[in-house]
C-alpha atoms as a PDB file:
ATOM      1  CA  UNK A   1       0.096  -0.074   0.112  1.00  0.00           C
ATOM      2  CA  UNK A   2       1.103   3.632  -0.494  1.00  0.00           C
ATOM      3  CA  UNK A   3       0.688   6.254   2.237  1.00  0.00           C
ATOM      4  CA  UNK A   4      -1.195   9.334   1.207  1.00  0.00           C
ATOM      5  CA  UNK A   5      -0.382  12.379   3.291  1.00  0.00           C
ATOM      6  CA  UNK A   6      -3.396  14.712   4.187  1.00  0.00           C
ATOM      7  CA  UNK A   7      -3.920  17.938   2.040  1.00  0.00           C
ATOM      8  CA  UNK A   8      -6.072  20.305   0.230  1.00  0.00           C
ATOM      9  CA  UNK A   9      -6.704  19.967  -3.582  1.00  0.00           C
ATOM     10  CA  UNK A  10      -9.136  21.250  -6.261  1.00  0.00           C
ATOM     11  CA  UNK A  11     -11.437  18.299  -7.069  1.00  0.00           C
ATOM     12  CA  UNK A  12     -12.952  18.274 -10.355  1.00  0.00           C
ATOM     13  CA  UNK A  13     -12.135  19.889 -13.755  1.00  0.00           C
ATOM     14  CA  UNK A  14     -11.963  23.414 -15.198  1.00  0.00           C
ATOM     15  CA  UNK A  15     -14.533  24.351 -17.872  1.00  0.00           C
ATOM     16  CA  UNK A  16     -12.074  24.130 -20.648  1.00  0.00           C
ATOM     17  CA  UNK A  17     -10.901  20.395 -19.839  1.00  0.00           C
ATOM     18  CA  UNK A  18     -11.607  18.199 -22.888  1.00  0.00           C
ATOM     19  CA  UNK A  19     -14.383  15.764 -22.276  1.00  0.00           C
ATOM     20  CA  UNK A  20     -15.644  17.621 -19.077  1.00  0.00           C
ATOM     21  CA  UNK A  21     -19.074  16.755 -17.743  1.00  0.00           C
ATOM     22  CA  UNK A  22     -21.275  19.176 -15.869  1.00  0.00           C
ATOM     23  CA  UNK A  23     -20.921  17.171 -12.534  1.00  0.00           C
ATOM     24  CA  UNK A  24     -17.227  18.024 -12.412  1.00  0.00           C
ATOM     25  CA  UNK A  25     -17.207  21.490 -11.291  1.00  0.00           C
ATOM     26  CA  UNK A  26     -14.021  22.750  -9.435  1.00  0.00           C
ATOM     27  CA  UNK A  27     -14.240  22.885  -5.708  1.00  0.00           C
ATOM     28  CA  UNK A  28     -11.824  22.837  -2.929  1.00  0.00           C
ATOM     29  CA  UNK A  29     -11.663  19.823  -0.865  1.00  0.00           C
ATOM     30  CA  UNK A  30      -9.458  19.234   2.337  1.00  0.00           C
ATOM     31  CA  UNK A  31      -8.405  15.278   3.201  1.00  0.00           C
ATOM     32  CA  UNK A  32      -8.228  15.813   6.939  1.00  0.00           C
ATOM     33  CA  UNK A  33      -6.221  12.455   7.637  1.00  0.00           C
ATOM     34  CA  UNK A  34      -3.390  10.477   6.161  1.00  0.00           C
ATOM     35  CA  UNK A  35      -4.516   7.091   4.802  1.00  0.00           C
ATOM     36  CA  UNK A  36      -3.005   3.995   3.000  1.00  0.00           C
ATOM     37  CA  UNK A  37      -4.385   3.196  -0.397  1.00  0.00           C
ATOM     38  CA  UNK A  38      -3.763   0.107  -2.503  1.00  0.00           C
ATOM     39  CA  UNK A  39      -0.770   0.496  -4.823  1.00  0.00           C
ATOM     40  CA  UNK A  40      -2.771  -1.590  -7.305  1.00  0.00           C
ATOM     41  CA  UNK A  41      -6.386  -2.561  -7.614  1.00  0.00           C
ATOM     42  CA  UNK A  42      -7.307  -5.525  -5.520  1.00  0.00           C
ATOM     43  CA  UNK A  43      -6.050  -8.611  -7.616  1.00  0.00           C
ATOM     44  CA  UNK A  44      -7.762 -11.810  -8.175  1.00  0.00           C
ATOM     45  CA  UNK A  45      -5.221 -13.537  -6.144  1.00  0.00           C
ATOM     46  CA  UNK A  46      -5.855 -11.146  -3.206  1.00  0.00           C
ATOM     47  CA  UNK A  47      -9.487 -11.458  -3.490  1.00  0.00           C
ATOM     48  CA  UNK A  48      -9.428 -15.238  -3.555  1.00  0.00           C
ATOM     49  CA  UNK A  49      -7.161 -15.440  -0.563  1.00  0.00           C
ATOM     50  CA  UNK A  50      -9.706 -13.543   1.548  1.00  0.00           C
ATOM     51  CA  UNK A  51     -13.129 -14.750  -0.232  1.00  0.00           C
ATOM     52  CA  UNK A  52     -12.141 -18.392  -1.084  1.00  0.00           C
ATOM     53  CA  UNK A  53     -13.537 -17.782  -4.716  1.00  0.00           C
ATOM     54  CA  UNK A  54     -12.723 -15.775  -7.820  1.00  0.00           C
ATOM     55  CA  UNK A  55     -15.873 -14.312  -9.505  1.00  0.00           C
ATOM     56  CA  UNK A  56     -13.917 -12.800 -12.455  1.00  0.00           C
ATOM     57  CA  UNK A  57     -14.724 -13.225 -16.033  1.00  0.00           C
ATOM     58  CA  UNK A  58     -11.159 -12.649 -17.300  1.00  0.00           C
ATOM     59  CA  UNK A  59      -9.341 -15.039 -15.208  1.00  0.00           C
ATOM     60  CA  UNK A  60      -5.712 -14.124 -14.053  1.00  0.00           C
ATOM     61  CA  UNK A  61      -4.076 -14.034 -10.661  1.00  0.00           C
ATOM     62  CA  UNK A  62      -2.305 -10.691 -11.262  1.00  0.00           C
ATOM     63  CA  UNK A  63      -5.390  -9.143 -13.056  1.00  0.00           C
ATOM     64  CA  UNK A  64      -7.921  -6.883 -11.027  1.00  0.00           C
ATOM     65  CA  UNK A  65     -10.576  -8.870  -9.557  1.00  0.00           C
ATOM     66  CA  UNK A  66     -13.679  -8.096 -11.762  1.00  0.00           C
ATOM     67  CA  UNK A  67     -17.470  -8.907 -11.913  1.00  0.00           C
ATOM     68  CA  UNK A  68     -17.850  -7.656  -8.232  1.00  0.00           C
ATOM     69  CA  UNK A  69     -20.738  -5.527  -6.826  1.00  0.00           C
ATOM     70  CA  UNK A  70     -20.244  -2.598  -4.253  1.00  0.00           C
ATOM     71  CA  UNK A  71     -21.533  -5.049  -1.788  1.00  0.00           C
ATOM     72  CA  UNK A  72     -19.086  -7.615  -2.756  1.00  0.00           C
ATOM     73  CA  UNK A  73     -16.319  -5.063  -2.166  1.00  0.00           C
ATOM     74  CA  UNK A  74     -17.730  -4.226   1.191  1.00  0.00           C
ATOM     75  CA  UNK A  75     -17.563  -7.816   2.323  1.00  0.00           C
ATOM     76  CA  UNK A  76     -14.085  -8.169   1.215  1.00  0.00           C
ATOM     77  CA  UNK A  77     -13.124  -5.059   3.271  1.00  0.00           C
ATOM     78  CA  UNK A  78     -15.005  -6.406   6.361  1.00  0.00           C
ATOM     79  CA  UNK A  79     -13.342  -9.791   6.240  1.00  0.00           C
ATOM     80  CA  UNK A  80      -9.932  -8.158   5.766  1.00  0.00           C
ATOM     81  CA  UNK A  81     -10.625  -5.896   8.760  1.00  0.00           C
ATOM     82  CA  UNK A  82     -11.710  -8.833  10.844  1.00  0.00           C
ATOM     83  CA  UNK A  83      -8.618 -10.940  10.070  1.00  0.00           C
ATOM     84  CA  UNK A  84      -6.003  -8.137  10.335  1.00  0.00           C
ATOM     85  CA  UNK A  85      -7.528  -5.951  13.071  1.00  0.00           C
ATOM     86  CA  UNK A  86      -6.857  -2.832  10.819  1.00  0.00           C
ATOM     87  CA  UNK A  87      -9.711  -0.988   9.305  1.00  0.00           C
ATOM     88  CA  UNK A  88      -9.963  -1.681   5.762  1.00  0.00           C
ATOM     89  CA  UNK A  89     -12.541   0.079   3.523  1.00  0.00           C
ATOM     90  CA  UNK A  90     -13.418   1.428   0.075  1.00  0.00           C
ATOM     91  CA  UNK A  91     -11.981   4.928  -0.457  1.00  0.00           C
ATOM     92  CA  UNK A  92     -14.243   7.931  -0.506  1.00  0.00           C
ATOM     93  CA  UNK A  93     -14.604   9.515  -3.764  1.00  0.00           C
ATOM     94  CA  UNK A  94     -12.474  12.581  -2.410  1.00  0.00           C
ATOM     95  CA  UNK A  95      -9.707  10.281  -1.205  1.00  0.00           C
ATOM     96  CA  UNK A  96      -9.807   8.409  -4.643  1.00  0.00           C
ATOM     97  CA  UNK A  97      -9.482  11.619  -6.480  1.00  0.00           C
ATOM     98  CA  UNK A  98      -6.975  12.980  -4.252  1.00  0.00           C
ATOM     99  CA  UNK A  99      -4.763   9.812  -4.662  1.00  0.00           C
ATOM    100  CA  UNK A 100      -5.163   9.670  -8.376  1.00  0.00           C
ATOM    101  CA  UNK A 101      -3.963  13.120  -8.792  1.00  0.00           C
ATOM    102  CA  UNK A 102      -0.865  12.307  -6.773  1.00  0.00           C
ATOM    103  CA  UNK A 103      -1.772  13.945  -3.486  1.00  0.00           C
ATOM    104  CA  UNK A 104       0.553  16.582  -2.279  1.00  0.00           C
ATOM    105  CA  UNK A 105       2.974  15.697  -5.048  1.00  0.00           C
ATOM    106  CA  UNK A 106       0.517  16.259  -7.918  1.00  0.00           C
ATOM    107  CA  UNK A 107       1.804  17.864 -11.060  1.00  0.00           C
ATOM    108  CA  UNK A 108      -1.819  18.552 -12.337  1.00  0.00           C
ATOM    109  CA  UNK A 109      -1.875  15.846 -14.796  1.00  0.00           C
ATOM    110  CA  UNK A 110      -5.167  15.011 -16.948  1.00  0.00           C
ATOM    111  CA  UNK A 111      -4.821  11.346 -16.127  1.00  0.00           C
ATOM    112  CA  UNK A 112      -3.277   9.534 -13.248  1.00  0.00           C
ATOM    113  CA  UNK A 113       0.491  10.307 -13.657  1.00  0.00           C
ATOM    114  CA  UNK A 114       0.613  11.844 -17.098  1.00  0.00           C
ATOM    115  CA  UNK A 115      -1.056  13.914 -19.873  1.00  0.00           C
ATOM    116  CA  UNK A 116      -0.459  11.159 -22.255  1.00  0.00           C
ATOM    117  CA  UNK A 117      -2.782   8.409 -21.369  1.00  0.00           C
ATOM    118  CA  UNK A 118      -0.778   5.736 -23.179  1.00  0.00           C
ATOM    119  CA  UNK A 119       1.832   6.010 -20.569  1.00  0.00           C
ATOM    120  CA  UNK A 120      -0.304   5.176 -17.479  1.00  0.00           C
ATOM    121  CA  UNK A 121      -3.701   3.446 -18.728  1.00  0.00           C
ATOM    122  CA  UNK A 122      -5.174   0.367 -20.556  1.00  0.00           C
ATOM    123  CA  UNK A 123      -8.096   1.798 -22.370  1.00  0.00           C
ATOM    124  CA  UNK A 124      -9.869   0.941 -25.660  1.00  0.00           C
ATOM    125  CA  UNK A 125      -8.705  -2.582 -25.189  1.00  0.00           C
ATOM    126  CA  UNK A 126     -10.171  -6.262 -25.732  1.00  0.00           C
ATOM    127  CA  UNK A 127      -9.528  -7.323 -22.254  1.00  0.00           C
ATOM    128  CA  UNK A 128      -8.345  -6.284 -18.783  1.00  0.00           C
ATOM    129  CA  UNK A 129      -4.609  -6.567 -18.047  1.00  0.00           C
ATOM    130  CA  UNK A 130      -2.196  -7.483 -15.137  1.00  0.00           C
ATOM    131  CA  UNK A 131      -1.812  -4.773 -12.723  1.00  0.00           C
ATOM    132  CA  UNK A 132       1.396  -2.630 -12.595  1.00  0.00           C
ATOM    133  CA  UNK A 133       2.466  -2.691 -16.260  1.00  0.00           C
ATOM    134  CA  UNK A 134       1.976   0.989 -16.985  1.00  0.00           C
ATOM    135  CA  UNK A 135       3.732   3.910 -15.357  1.00  0.00           C
ATOM    136  CA  UNK A 136       2.649   4.899 -11.913  1.00  0.00           C
ATOM    137  CA  UNK A 137       1.464   8.378 -10.807  1.00  0.00           C
ATOM    138  CA  UNK A 138       3.495  10.826  -8.605  1.00  0.00           C
ATOM    139  CA  UNK A 139       2.705   8.841  -5.436  1.00  0.00           C
ATOM    140  CA  UNK A 140       3.976   5.472  -7.110  1.00  0.00           C
ATOM    141  CA  UNK A 141       0.081   4.278  -7.492  1.00  0.00           C
ATOM    142  CA  UNK A 142      -0.704   2.309 -10.537  1.00  0.00           C
ATOM    143  CA  UNK A 143      -3.603   1.614 -12.821  1.00  0.00           C
ATOM    144  CA  UNK A 144      -6.014   4.611 -11.348  1.00  0.00           C
ATOM    145  CA  UNK A 145      -6.769   5.496 -14.975  1.00  0.00           C
ATOM    146  CA  UNK A 146      -7.984   2.787 -17.093  1.00  0.00           C
ATOM    147  CA  UNK A 147      -7.850  -1.098 -16.680  1.00  0.00           C
ATOM    148  CA  UNK A 148     -10.878  -1.519 -14.211  1.00  0.00           C
ATOM    149  CA  UNK A 149     -13.541   0.809 -12.929  1.00  0.00           C
ATOM    150  CA  UNK A 150     -13.107   1.154  -9.163  1.00  0.00           C
ATOM    151  CA  UNK A 151     -15.998   1.233  -6.669  1.00  0.00           C
ATOM    152  CA  UNK A 152     -15.941   4.174  -4.111  1.00  0.00           C
ATOM    153  CA  UNK A 153     -17.766   4.382  -0.779  1.00  0.00           C
ATOM    154  CA  UNK A 154     -19.957   7.296  -1.592  1.00  0.00           C
ATOM    155  CA  UNK A 155     -23.671   7.460  -2.795  1.00  0.00           C
ATOM    156  CA  UNK A 156     -24.864   9.487  -5.809  1.00  0.00           C
ATOM    157  CA  UNK A 157     -27.573  10.133  -4.812  1.00  0.00           C
ATOM    158  CA  UNK A 158     -28.784   6.592  -4.298  1.00  0.00           C
ATOM    159  CA  UNK A 159     -26.349   4.846  -6.580  1.00  0.00           C
ATOM    160  CA  UNK A 160     -22.799   4.139  -5.733  1.00  0.00           C
ATOM    161  CA  UNK A 161     -19.750   5.961  -7.304  1.00  0.00           C
ATOM    162  CA  UNK A 162     -17.273   4.418  -9.728  1.00  0.00           C
ATOM    163  CA  UNK A 163     -13.958   6.150 -10.814  1.00  0.00           C
ATOM    164  CA  UNK A 164     -10.978   5.673 -13.197  1.00  0.00           C
ATOM    165  CA  UNK A 165     -12.439   4.280 -16.253  1.00  0.00           C
ATOM    166  CA  UNK A 166     -11.752   0.715 -17.523  1.00  0.00           C
ATOM    167  CA  UNK A 167      -9.894  -1.260 -20.312  1.00  0.00           C
ATOM    168  CA  UNK A 168     -12.815  -0.806 -22.744  1.00  0.00           C
ATOM    169  CA  UNK A 169     -13.411   2.881 -22.020  1.00  0.00           C
ATOM    170  CA  UNK A 170     -12.235   5.786 -24.235  1.00  0.00           C
ATOM    171  CA  UNK A 171      -9.790   8.505 -22.977  1.00  0.00           C
ATOM    172  CA  UNK A 172     -12.512  10.787 -21.687  1.00  0.00           C
ATOM    173  CA  UNK A 173     -13.797   8.127 -19.049  1.00  0.00           C
ATOM    174  CA  UNK A 174     -10.165   7.615 -17.779  1.00  0.00           C
ATOM    175  CA  UNK A 175      -9.579  11.315 -16.745  1.00  0.00           C
ATOM    176  CA  UNK A 176      -8.943  11.889 -13.050  1.00  0.00           C
ATOM    177  CA  UNK A 177     -12.074  13.857 -12.712  1.00  0.00           C
ATOM    178  CA  UNK A 178     -14.664  11.761 -14.405  1.00  0.00           C
ATOM    179  CA  UNK A 179     -17.433  10.580 -12.330  1.00  0.00           C
ATOM    180  CA  UNK A 180     -19.673   7.351 -12.800  1.00  0.00           C
ATOM    181  CA  UNK A 181     -22.151   5.553 -10.903  1.00  0.00           C
ATOM    182  CA  UNK A 182     -24.398   2.460 -10.669  1.00  0.00           C
ATOM    183  CA  UNK A 183     -26.649   0.623  -8.346  1.00  0.00           C
ATOM    184  CA  UNK A 184     -24.699  -1.153  -5.685  1.00  0.00           C
ATOM    185  CA  UNK A 185     -26.026  -4.568  -6.458  1.00  0.00           C
ATOM    186  CA  UNK A 186     -24.696  -4.362 -10.070  1.00  0.00           C
ATOM    187  CA  UNK A 187     -21.827  -6.712 -10.831  1.00  0.00           C
ATOM    188  CA  UNK A 188     -20.113  -6.418 -14.185  1.00  0.00           C
ATOM    189  CA  UNK A 189     -16.884  -7.805 -15.771  1.00  0.00           C
ATOM    190  CA  UNK A 190     -15.527  -4.084 -15.820  1.00  0.00           C
ATOM    191  CA  UNK A 191     -15.992  -3.194 -12.234  1.00  0.00           C
ATOM    192  CA  UNK A 192     -13.471  -3.897  -9.485  1.00  0.00           C
ATOM    193  CA  UNK A 193     -12.145  -1.869  -6.545  1.00  0.00           C
ATOM    194  CA  UNK A 194      -9.003  -0.625  -4.631  1.00  0.00           C
ATOM    195  CA  UNK A 195      -8.872  -0.557  -0.792  1.00  0.00           C
ATOM    196  CA  UNK A 196      -7.848   2.020   1.992  1.00  0.00           C
ATOM    197  CA  UNK A 197      -6.378   1.154   5.137  1.00  0.00           C
ATOM    198  CA  UNK A 198      -6.972   3.618   8.029  1.00  0.00           C
ATOM    199  CA  UNK A 199      -4.072   4.801  10.226  1.00  0.00           C
END
């Protein structure tokens, strides 16, 4: 996991950002506590070690787990919390965007770690890829743009937030500011997650 130090940042996108959507208005957000976040999305090996099965359509131990609902992700966090004694959970949307932008080391990139999406993301592909094959962002976190959509803790308004874009997405959906949402009981082979550990 990677330590993300608390700080203040501008969440969302400017009006001239290419691909911008209406729900991305710039606003200042303060992350009040340090937190640990997964260096990679949860892999199929990690998920199976905790849950004793692998729900993924595209099987590969080092690929992100896919085909999970928001409830599945919560169950994983609860079991990991119970077995380790440390609180594990999904990131809030604000934590997720702060981390994807590089936290206090941010260079203001459009995607997580670069303005050139090919450096950091699997997108417009035929399948999900093993984690960690593209370049990391400023904090050393991988695959926050592209590869697999990631569930967040937040509701919007009755749905649950997903961030980051996926292997099949175009570049617009892989931007750090892009927001997506779906009902918590929807499982799809394009949905996975990344975890936070509280200090």
